[in-house]
Amino acid sequence: MELNRPIPEPWRSFLTEIDGSLSKGVSFHCFGGFAIDHLFGLPRTTSDVDVMSGVVGSHHKMLLAIAGKNSQLHKSTGYILISSELSP
């Protein structure tokens, strides 16, 4: 599902920081509390963005180094990118 509405703060700044740290474009699909809040307007208190590791493929480790647990971005913002495996 694609939306044309802007991503609210603090998520916009968090995702902009990730984007600015990448040397090329990477698309990833978000789910969990962040997605529920943004897509459906149902407030969910969360401090993470869940992404599917299978979708980000070869960029998985790079994304976690930028915004995963104990990364500099995580330490400075309190927000974290969490990667979840897809089960067959």
C-alpha atoms as a PDB file:
ATOM      1  CA  MET A   1       0.000   0.000   0.000  1.00  0.00           C
ATOM      2  CA  GLU A   2       1.468   3.324  -1.021  1.00  0.00           C
ATOM      3  CA  LEU A   3       0.456   6.598   0.605  1.00  0.00           C
ATOM      4  CA  ASN A   4       0.958  10.158  -0.502  1.00  0.00           C
ATOM      5  CA  ARG A   5       0.738  11.660   2.972  1.00  0.00           C
ATOM      6  CA  PRO A   6       3.912  12.761   4.729  1.00  0.00           C
ATOM      7  CA  ILE A   7       5.504  10.578   7.381  1.00  0.00           C
ATOM      8  CA  PRO A   8       5.104  12.296  10.768  1.00  0.00           C
ATOM      9  CA  GLU A   9       7.891  13.149  13.177  1.00  0.00           C
ATOM     10  CA  PRO A  10       9.899  11.647  14.782  1.00  0.00           C
ATOM     11  CA  TRP A  11       9.802   8.950  12.104  1.00  0.00           C
ATOM     12  CA  ARG A  12      10.444  11.318   9.224  1.00  0.00           C
ATOM     13  CA  SER A  13      13.745  12.473  10.750  1.00  0.00           C
ATOM     14  CA  PHE A  14      14.740   8.906  11.682  1.00  0.00           C
ATOM     15  CA  LEU A  15      14.115   7.588   8.162  1.00  0.00           C
ATOM     16  CA  THR A  16      15.788  10.665   6.629  1.00  0.00           C
ATOM     17  CA  GLU A  17      18.911   9.906   8.692  1.00  0.00           C
ATOM     18  CA  ILE A  18      18.923   6.326   7.366  1.00  0.00           C
ATOM     19  CA  ASP A  19      18.428   7.560   3.815  1.00  0.00           C
ATOM     20  CA  GLY A  20      21.276  10.049   4.157  1.00  0.00           C
ATOM     21  CA  SER A  21      23.611   7.272   5.295  1.00  0.00           C
ATOM     22  CA  LEU A  22      23.021   5.092   2.234  1.00  0.00           C
ATOM     23  CA  SER A  23      25.196   5.277  -0.863  1.00  0.00           C
ATOM     24  CA  LYS A  24      22.345   4.101  -3.130  1.00  0.00           C
ATOM     25  CA  GLY A  25      18.585   3.714  -3.022  1.00  0.00           C
ATOM     26  CA  VAL A  26      17.183   0.906  -0.889  1.00  0.00           C
ATOM     27  CA  SER A  27      13.482   0.102  -0.637  1.00  0.00           C
ATOM     28  CA  PHE A  28      12.108  -1.756   2.333  1.00  0.00           C
ATOM     29  CA  HIS A  29       8.635  -2.642   3.517  1.00  0.00           C
ATOM     30  CA  CYS A  30       7.663  -1.662   7.044  1.00  0.00           C
ATOM     31  CA  PHE A  31       5.157  -3.377   9.292  1.00  0.00           C
ATOM     32  CA  GLY A  32       4.276  -3.420  12.981  1.00  0.00           C
ATOM     33  CA  GLY A  33       3.222  -0.471  15.143  1.00  0.00           C
ATOM     34  CA  PHE A  34       4.832   2.181  12.938  1.00  0.00           C
ATOM     35  CA  ALA A  35       2.971   0.928   9.860  1.00  0.00           C
ATOM     36  CA  ILE A  36      -0.354   0.564  11.678  1.00  0.00           C
ATOM     37  CA  ASP A  37      -0.082   4.107  12.982  1.00  0.00           C
ATOM     38  CA  HIS A  38       0.903   5.587   9.632  1.00  0.00           C
ATOM     39  CA  LEU A  39      -1.399   3.579   7.356  1.00  0.00           C
ATOM     40  CA  PHE A  40      -4.527   3.403   9.464  1.00  0.00           C
ATOM     41  CA  GLY A  41      -4.138   6.283  11.911  1.00  0.00           C
ATOM     42  CA  LEU A  42      -4.375   3.934  14.877  1.00  0.00           C
ATOM     43  CA  PRO A  43      -1.990   5.299  17.501  1.00  0.00           C
ATOM     44  CA  ARG A  44       0.578   2.711  18.562  1.00  0.00           C
ATOM     45  CA  THR A  45       3.314   3.613  20.999  1.00  0.00           C
ATOM     46  CA  THR A  46       6.517   2.208  19.547  1.00  0.00           C
ATOM     47  CA  SER A  47      10.185   3.071  19.260  1.00  0.00           C
ATOM     48  CA  ASP A  48      10.998   0.823  16.323  1.00  0.00           C
ATOM     49  CA  VAL A  49      10.392   0.346  12.635  1.00  0.00           C
ATOM     50  CA  ASP A  50      10.010  -3.312  11.672  1.00  0.00           C
ATOM     51  CA  VAL A  51      11.283  -4.345   8.237  1.00  0.00           C
ATOM     52  CA  MET A  52      11.339  -7.728   6.509  1.00  0.00           C
ATOM     53  CA  SER A  53      14.906  -8.946   6.051  1.00  0.00           C
ATOM     54  CA  GLY A  54      13.993 -10.926   2.934  1.00  0.00           C
ATOM     55  CA  VAL A  55      12.832  -7.754   1.211  1.00  0.00           C
ATOM     56  CA  VAL A  56      15.969  -5.714   1.916  1.00  0.00           C
ATOM     57  CA  GLY A  57      18.173  -8.615   0.793  1.00  0.00           C
ATOM     58  CA  SER A  58      21.840  -7.723   0.472  1.00  0.00           C
ATOM     59  CA  HIS A  59      21.259  -4.385   2.240  1.00  0.00           C
ATOM     60  CA  HIS A  60      20.186  -6.118   5.458  1.00  0.00           C
ATOM     61  CA  LYS A  61      23.482  -5.843   7.360  1.00  0.00           C
ATOM     62  CA  MET A  62      24.123  -2.301   6.149  1.00  0.00           C
ATOM     63  CA  LEU A  63      20.702  -1.088   7.339  1.00  0.00           C
ATOM     64  CA  LEU A  64      21.178  -2.674  10.760  1.00  0.00           C
ATOM     65  CA  ALA A  65      24.648  -1.123  11.067  1.00  0.00           C
ATOM     66  CA  ILE A  66      23.116   2.294  10.362  1.00  0.00           C
ATOM     67  CA  ALA A  67      19.966   2.050  12.495  1.00  0.00           C
ATOM     68  CA  GLY A  68      19.893  -1.296  14.312  1.00  0.00           C
ATOM     69  CA  LYS A  69      20.352  -2.051  17.997  1.00  0.00           C
ATOM     70  CA  ASN A  70      23.228  -0.097  19.574  1.00  0.00           C
ATOM     71  CA  SER A  71      23.946   1.799  16.333  1.00  0.00           C
ATOM     72  CA  GLN A  72      24.937   5.442  16.608  1.00  0.00           C
ATOM     73  CA  LEU A  73      21.494   6.462  15.309  1.00  0.00           C
ATOM     74  CA  HIS A  74      19.760   4.238  17.864  1.00  0.00           C
ATOM     75  CA  LYS A  75      21.844   5.707  20.672  1.00  0.00           C
ATOM     76  CA  SER A  76      21.208   9.301  19.585  1.00  0.00           C
ATOM     77  CA  THR A  77      17.458   9.032  18.854  1.00  0.00           C
ATOM     78  CA  GLY A  78      16.205   6.123  20.935  1.00  0.00           C
ATOM     79  CA  TYR A  79      14.596   4.690  17.786  1.00  0.00           C
ATOM     80  CA  ILE A  80      15.634   1.462  16.131  1.00  0.00           C
ATOM     81  CA  LEU A  81      15.244  -0.482  12.898  1.00  0.00           C
ATOM     82  CA  ILE A  82      14.303  -4.106  13.580  1.00  0.00           C
ATOM     83  CA  SER A  83      14.655  -6.789  10.927  1.00  0.00           C
ATOM     84  CA  SER A  84      12.393  -9.820  11.015  1.00  0.00           C
ATOM     85  CA  GLU A  85      12.862 -13.046   9.113  1.00  0.00           C
ATOM     86  CA  LEU A  86      10.164 -14.421   6.875  1.00  0.00           C
ATOM     87  CA  SER A  87       9.305 -18.053   7.542  1.00  0.00           C
ATOM     88  CA  PRO A  88       8.713 -20.359   4.572  1.00  0.00           C
END
